[in-house]
Protein backbone atom coordinates (compact mmCIF):
# COMPACT_ATOMS: atom_id res chain seq x y z
CA UNK A 1 117.43 -102.52 17.51
CA UNK A 2 116.89 -100.99 14.07
CA UNK A 3 114.41 -98.48 13.18
CA UNK A 4 112.42 -101.02 10.98
CA UNK A 5 112.24 -103.45 13.68
CA UNK A 6 110.85 -100.82 16.17
CA UNK A 7 108.41 -99.81 13.53
CA UNK A 8 107.13 -103.18 12.44
CA UNK A 9 104.57 -103.65 15.32
CA UNK A 10 103.19 -100.25 14.34
CA UNK A 11 103.00 -101.30 10.85
CA UNK A 12 101.30 -104.60 11.58
CA UNK A 13 98.69 -102.90 13.71
CA UNK A 14 98.08 -100.58 10.98
CA UNK A 15 97.84 -103.12 8.19
CA UNK A 16 95.24 -105.00 10.44
CA UNK A 17 93.42 -101.94 10.88
CA UNK A 18 93.14 -101.16 7.07
CA UNK A 19 91.40 -104.42 6.70
CA UNK A 20 88.49 -103.42 8.66
CA UNK A 21 86.66 -101.15 6.15
CA UNK A 22 83.94 -99.83 8.85
CA UNK A 23 86.82 -98.72 11.01
CA UNK A 24 88.59 -96.95 8.25
CA UNK A 25 85.40 -95.21 7.40
CA UNK A 26 84.71 -94.25 11.05
CA UNK A 27 88.21 -92.94 11.61
CA UNK A 28 87.93 -90.84 8.51
CA UNK A 29 84.43 -89.48 9.74
CA UNK A 30 85.57 -88.94 13.37
CA UNK A 31 88.89 -86.94 12.13
CA UNK A 32 86.85 -84.80 9.89
CA UNK A 33 84.26 -84.04 12.49
CA UNK A 34 86.85 -83.10 15.25
CA UNK A 35 88.59 -81.10 12.72
CA UNK A 36 85.41 -79.18 11.71
CA UNK A 37 84.40 -78.88 15.26
CA UNK A 38 87.87 -77.50 16.47
CA UNK A 39 87.60 -75.02 13.41
CA UNK A 40 84.06 -73.92 14.06
CA UNK A 41 84.90 -70.37 15.10
CA UNK A 42 87.14 -69.85 12.05
CA UNK A 43 84.62 -71.41 9.83
CA UNK A 44 82.07 -68.90 11.37
CA UNK A 45 84.41 -66.03 10.98
CA UNK A 46 84.98 -66.95 7.00
CA UNK A 47 81.24 -67.27 6.61
CA UNK A 48 80.60 -63.88 8.40
CA UNK A 49 78.17 -65.61 10.75
CA UNK A 50 77.57 -65.22 14.43
CA UNK A 51 75.98 -68.59 15.56
CA UNK A 52 74.69 -67.12 18.74
CA UNK A 53 72.95 -63.85 17.36
CA UNK A 54 69.29 -64.35 17.07
CA UNK A 55 67.12 -62.80 14.26
CA UNK A 56 63.45 -63.58 14.66
CA UNK A 57 62.82 -62.43 11.08
CA UNK A 58 64.78 -65.46 9.78
CA UNK A 59 63.21 -68.33 11.49
CA UNK A 60 62.95 -71.66 10.03
CA UNK A 61 64.61 -70.69 6.73
CA UNK A 62 65.40 -73.50 4.50
CA UNK A 63 68.92 -74.50 3.35
CA UNK A 64 70.51 -71.90 1.15
CA UNK A 65 73.87 -70.55 0.16
CA UNK A 66 74.12 -68.47 3.23
CA UNK A 67 72.79 -70.83 5.73
CA UNK A 68 73.80 -74.31 4.71
CA UNK A 69 71.33 -76.14 6.74
CA UNK A 70 68.96 -73.53 7.26
CA UNK A 71 67.99 -71.60 10.44
CA UNK A 72 66.36 -72.61 13.82
CA UNK A 73 63.48 -71.28 15.78
CA UNK A 74 65.58 -68.16 16.83
CA UNK A 75 66.98 -67.60 13.42
CA UNK A 76 70.52 -68.88 14.15
CA UNK A 77 72.46 -70.67 11.57
CA UNK A 78 71.89 -74.41 11.99
CA UNK A 79 75.24 -75.61 10.67
CA UNK A 80 77.32 -73.51 12.93
CA UNK A 81 75.13 -74.70 15.93
CA UNK A 82 75.85 -78.08 14.90
CA UNK A 83 79.71 -77.55 14.97
CA UNK A 84 79.54 -75.53 18.24
CA UNK A 85 77.43 -78.53 19.86
CA UNK A 86 79.89 -80.88 18.46
CA UNK A 87 82.81 -79.17 20.39
CA UNK A 88 81.11 -79.78 23.48
CA UNK A 89 79.80 -83.12 22.92
CA UNK A 90 83.06 -84.60 21.71
CA UNK A 91 85.02 -82.76 24.49
CA UNK A 92 82.60 -84.20 27.08
CA UNK A 93 83.10 -87.71 25.36
CA UNK A 94 86.70 -87.86 24.88
CA UNK A 95 87.78 -86.15 28.01
CA UNK A 96 85.20 -88.28 30.01
CA UNK A 97 86.74 -91.34 28.22
CA UNK A 98 90.29 -90.47 28.93
CA UNK A 99 89.63 -89.73 32.64
CA UNK A 100 87.58 -93.01 32.97
CA UNK A 101 90.50 -94.82 31.47
CA UNK A 102 92.87 -93.23 33.90
CA UNK A 103 90.80 -94.14 36.82
CA UNK A 104 89.93 -97.39 35.79
CA UNK A 105 93.69 -98.31 35.00
CA UNK A 106 94.84 -97.18 38.22
CA UNK A 107 92.18 -99.26 40.25
CA UNK A 108 92.49 -102.20 37.90
CA UNK A 109 96.27 -102.48 38.07
CA UNK A 110 96.38 -101.98 41.77
CA UNK A 111 93.76 -104.60 42.62
CA UNK A 112 95.10 -107.22 39.93
CA UNK A 113 98.69 -106.93 41.04
CA UNK A 114 98.67 -106.43 45.00
CA UNK A 115 95.52 -108.73 45.25
CA UNK A 116 94.25 -110.04 48.67
CA UNK A 117 91.92 -107.94 50.59
CA UNK A 118 92.42 -104.78 48.57
CA UNK A 119 91.56 -106.65 45.63
CA UNK A 120 88.41 -108.13 47.09
CA UNK A 121 87.58 -104.47 48.43
CA UNK A 122 88.15 -102.87 45.11
CA UNK A 123 86.08 -105.41 43.13
CA UNK A 124 83.28 -105.28 45.44
CA UNK A 125 83.35 -101.57 45.30
CA UNK A 126 83.40 -101.67 41.32
CA UNK A 127 80.53 -104.15 41.56
CA UNK A 128 78.50 -101.62 43.63
CA UNK A 129 79.07 -99.09 40.98
CA UNK A 130 77.99 -101.11 38.30
CA UNK A 131 74.99 -102.23 40.30
CA UNK A 132 73.68 -98.71 40.53
CA UNK A 133 70.89 -97.49 38.27
CA UNK A 134 72.93 -95.46 35.85
CA UNK A 135 70.52 -92.72 34.59
CA UNK A 136 68.95 -91.87 38.08
CA UNK A 137 72.44 -91.71 39.63
CA UNK A 138 73.68 -89.32 36.61
CA UNK A 139 70.53 -87.25 37.07
CA UNK A 140 71.21 -86.78 40.80
CA UNK A 141 74.75 -85.97 40.42
CA UNK A 142 73.93 -83.41 37.70
CA UNK A 143 71.14 -81.65 39.75
CA UNK A 144 73.57 -80.82 42.53
CA UNK A 145 73.59 -77.08 42.95
CA UNK A 146 77.02 -75.77 42.35
CA UNK A 147 76.34 -72.82 44.77
CA UNK A 148 75.86 -75.38 47.78
CA UNK A 149 79.57 -76.37 47.19
CA UNK A 150 80.90 -72.92 48.26
CA UNK A 151 82.11 -72.17 45.02
CA UNK A 152 82.43 -68.60 43.52
CA UNK A 153 79.47 -67.42 41.84
CA UNK A 154 81.56 -66.60 38.47
CA UNK A 155 82.94 -70.14 38.56
CA UNK A 156 79.74 -71.82 39.18
CA UNK A 157 77.70 -70.12 36.61
CA UNK A 158 80.43 -70.29 33.76
CA UNK A 159 80.12 -72.32 30.73
CA UNK A 160 83.35 -74.08 31.08
CA UNK A 161 82.35 -75.11 34.78
CA UNK A 162 79.20 -76.91 33.28
CA UNK A 163 81.48 -78.66 30.84
CA UNK A 164 84.11 -79.83 33.28
CA UNK A 165 81.55 -80.99 35.93
CA UNK A 166 79.79 -82.94 33.07
CA UNK A 167 83.18 -84.58 32.22
CA UNK A 168 83.53 -85.52 35.99
CA UNK A 169 80.11 -86.82 36.15
CA UNK A 170 80.11 -89.21 33.18
CA UNK A 171 83.70 -90.31 34.28
CA UNK A 172 82.62 -91.34 37.70
CA UNK A 173 80.22 -93.85 36.23
CA UNK A 174 82.45 -94.93 33.19
CA UNK A 175 85.61 -96.12 34.82
CA UNK A 176 84.29 -99.86 35.89
CA UNK A 177 84.71 -101.46 32.51
CA UNK A 178 88.49 -100.03 32.19
CA UNK A 179 88.97 -101.20 35.74
CA UNK A 180 87.82 -104.82 35.04
CA UNK A 181 89.90 -105.01 31.72
CA UNK A 182 93.13 -103.90 33.31
CA UNK A 183 92.74 -106.05 36.53
CA UNK A 184 92.07 -109.20 34.13
CA UNK A 185 95.15 -108.05 32.23
CA UNK A 186 97.43 -107.47 35.08
CA UNK A 187 96.72 -110.85 36.63
CA UNK A 188 97.66 -112.63 33.60
CA UNK A 189 100.83 -110.41 33.13
CA UNK A 190 101.79 -111.02 36.70
CA UNK A 191 102.62 -114.59 36.04
CA UNK A 192 104.71 -113.75 32.88
CA UNK A 193 108.58 -114.34 33.09
CA UNK A 194 109.42 -110.64 32.35
CA UNK A 195 107.42 -109.46 35.44
CA UNK A 196 109.04 -112.34 37.60
CA UNK A 197 112.37 -111.23 36.63
CA UNK A 198 111.76 -107.63 37.52
CA UNK A 199 110.48 -108.81 40.86
CA UNK A 200 113.71 -111.06 41.43
CA UNK A 201 115.75 -108.12 40.58
CA UNK A 202 114.17 -106.15 43.49
CA UNK A 203 112.08 -103.53 41.30
CA UNK A 204 109.21 -101.91 43.49
CA UNK A 205 105.72 -102.74 42.84
CA UNK A 206 105.07 -99.32 41.66
CA UNK A 207 107.76 -99.44 38.92
CA UNK A 208 106.63 -103.11 37.86
CA UNK A 209 103.01 -101.72 37.51
CA UNK A 210 104.04 -98.58 35.71
CA UNK A 211 106.91 -99.81 33.59
CA UNK A 212 106.01 -103.44 32.78
CA UNK A 213 102.34 -104.23 33.21
CA UNK A 214 100.46 -101.11 32.13
CA UNK A 215 102.25 -100.74 28.74
CA UNK A 216 101.29 -104.35 27.94
CA UNK A 217 97.80 -103.73 28.91
CA UNK A 218 97.63 -100.48 26.91
CA UNK A 219 95.94 -102.48 23.71
CA UNK A 220 92.73 -103.43 25.88
CA UNK A 221 92.70 -100.11 27.50
CA UNK A 222 92.73 -98.29 24.14
CA UNK A 223 89.84 -100.32 22.91
CA UNK A 224 87.68 -99.88 25.86
CA UNK A 225 88.40 -96.07 25.89
CA UNK A 226 87.59 -95.72 22.38
CA UNK A 227 84.15 -97.61 22.84
CA UNK A 228 83.65 -95.47 26.15
CA UNK A 229 83.85 -92.30 24.16
CA UNK A 230 80.70 -93.14 22.18
CA UNK A 231 78.75 -94.26 25.28
CA UNK A 232 79.62 -90.94 27.18
CA UNK A 233 78.67 -88.76 24.10
CA UNK A 234 75.21 -90.56 24.44
CA UNK A 235 75.21 -90.09 28.15
CA UNK A 236 75.92 -86.25 27.80
CA UNK A 237 73.21 -85.86 25.20
CA UNK A 238 70.59 -87.62 27.54
CA UNK A 239 71.61 -85.36 30.31
CA UNK A 240 71.35 -82.30 28.03
CA UNK A 241 68.21 -83.47 26.57
CA UNK A 242 66.91 -83.75 30.31
CA UNK A 243 67.93 -80.13 30.91
CA UNK A 244 70.67 -81.29 33.28
CA UNK A 245 73.78 -81.04 31.25
CA UNK A 246 74.91 -78.21 28.92
CA UNK A 247 72.55 -75.06 29.34
CA UNK A 248 71.60 -72.83 26.61
CA UNK A 249 72.58 -70.64 25.05
CA UNK A 250 75.61 -72.89 24.94
CA UNK A 251 74.94 -75.57 22.16
CA UNK A 252 75.34 -79.41 22.45
CA UNK A 253 73.70 -81.79 20.44
CA UNK A 254 71.53 -83.00 23.34
CA UNK A 255 70.05 -79.68 24.10
CA UNK A 256 69.50 -78.79 20.56
CA UNK A 257 67.30 -81.98 20.61
CA UNK A 258 65.45 -80.56 23.64
CA UNK A 259 64.82 -77.33 21.89
CA UNK A 260 63.46 -78.95 18.61
CA UNK A 261 61.19 -81.42 20.47
CA UNK A 262 58.21 -79.06 20.41
CA UNK A 263 58.74 -78.20 16.85
CA UNK A 264 58.79 -81.76 15.18
CA UNK A 265 55.68 -80.97 13.02
CA UNK A 266 57.00 -77.47 11.93
CA UNK A 267 60.46 -78.04 11.50
CA UNK A 268 61.46 -81.47 11.76
CA UNK A 269 64.89 -81.04 10.41
CA UNK A 270 65.87 -79.28 13.90
CA UNK A 271 65.72 -82.54 15.49
CA UNK A 272 66.93 -84.81 12.51
CA UNK A 273 70.43 -83.13 12.23
CA UNK A 274 71.64 -83.23 15.95
CA UNK A 275 70.10 -86.81 16.32
CA UNK A 276 71.72 -87.82 13.15
CA UNK A 277 75.10 -86.51 14.50
CA UNK A 278 74.77 -88.28 17.82
CA UNK A 279 73.94 -91.57 15.89
CA UNK A 280 76.87 -91.42 13.42
CA UNK A 281 79.39 -90.38 16.14
CA UNK A 282 78.42 -93.07 18.51
CA UNK A 283 78.46 -95.84 15.95
CA UNK A 284 81.75 -94.67 14.47
CA UNK A 285 83.44 -94.83 17.85
CA UNK A 286 82.05 -98.41 18.17
CA UNK A 287 83.26 -99.41 14.62
CA UNK A 288 86.53 -97.97 15.47
CA UNK A 289 86.62 -99.81 18.74
CA UNK A 290 86.01 -103.15 16.89
CA UNK A 291 88.50 -102.40 14.43
CA UNK A 292 91.06 -101.47 16.87
CA UNK A 293 90.47 -104.71 18.87
CA UNK A 294 90.98 -106.71 15.84
CA UNK A 295 94.14 -104.69 14.88
CA UNK A 296 95.63 -104.91 18.34
CA UNK A 297 95.22 -108.90 18.70
CA UNK A 298 98.04 -110.65 17.05
CA UNK A 299 95.82 -113.83 16.76
CA UNK A 300 93.56 -111.77 13.98
CA UNK A 301 96.65 -112.07 11.81
CA UNK A 302 96.31 -115.85 11.63
CA UNK A 303 92.45 -115.51 10.95
């Protein structure tokens, strides 16, 4: 097989994606946002600003050459706080979406391929998770005291532990969509000729699921993961806004909104900027998911 033939499916997907203008704009926005968030410490060093340092004499300063978006109620640079908050919110959203995709893919492919009682049990379990009230469940999980889990105090009170805990919490409720999608794809792919041929050659079920079914179900899984990332960023912001997510002084877009809710009359921009970042990021992931869905669907070429 030539290199051109191998690359042709990728070129077709890219060509279809380029037709979706909103998906293009969303992809550029997300790439720039992720790059700026990852480079936040470097940007702070280049600007000579410590985003965690408070200066009560510089509270509520307007945008200037030194503070591009002004300062907050504690005199901290708002632009750098937004970038640091983006690091946390994007990490929770993307890592949670990937973990949800792995959990959902594993449950979906096993359920769809093996079938029988195991399929019925896993799908009823999935229905039960879907039926649970999402926000109260997240609040209960986030309110669990890490000290009662017999974890070392240094780990339980660290900033990284709170982030990882939040990733696990949002993933525990976000895998159901991926599981249902992969199960449906698996049931359809199980009846295809290449799967029957692998079964006739004596391939083990685990090999068939990993080598033949999951790669062919990857398109739907990528779309579901992209859309889940936006939803999980919104969930993280909700939990942080309620005081159950990322705790100050660490910044996330959600707890920045919490700190700004009592200052709406005096400094409304403190709420506008993190709210705008949440809105734009979530809608960008949704538009990108729509574009990927069209790009990965061969029927869109005929349409």
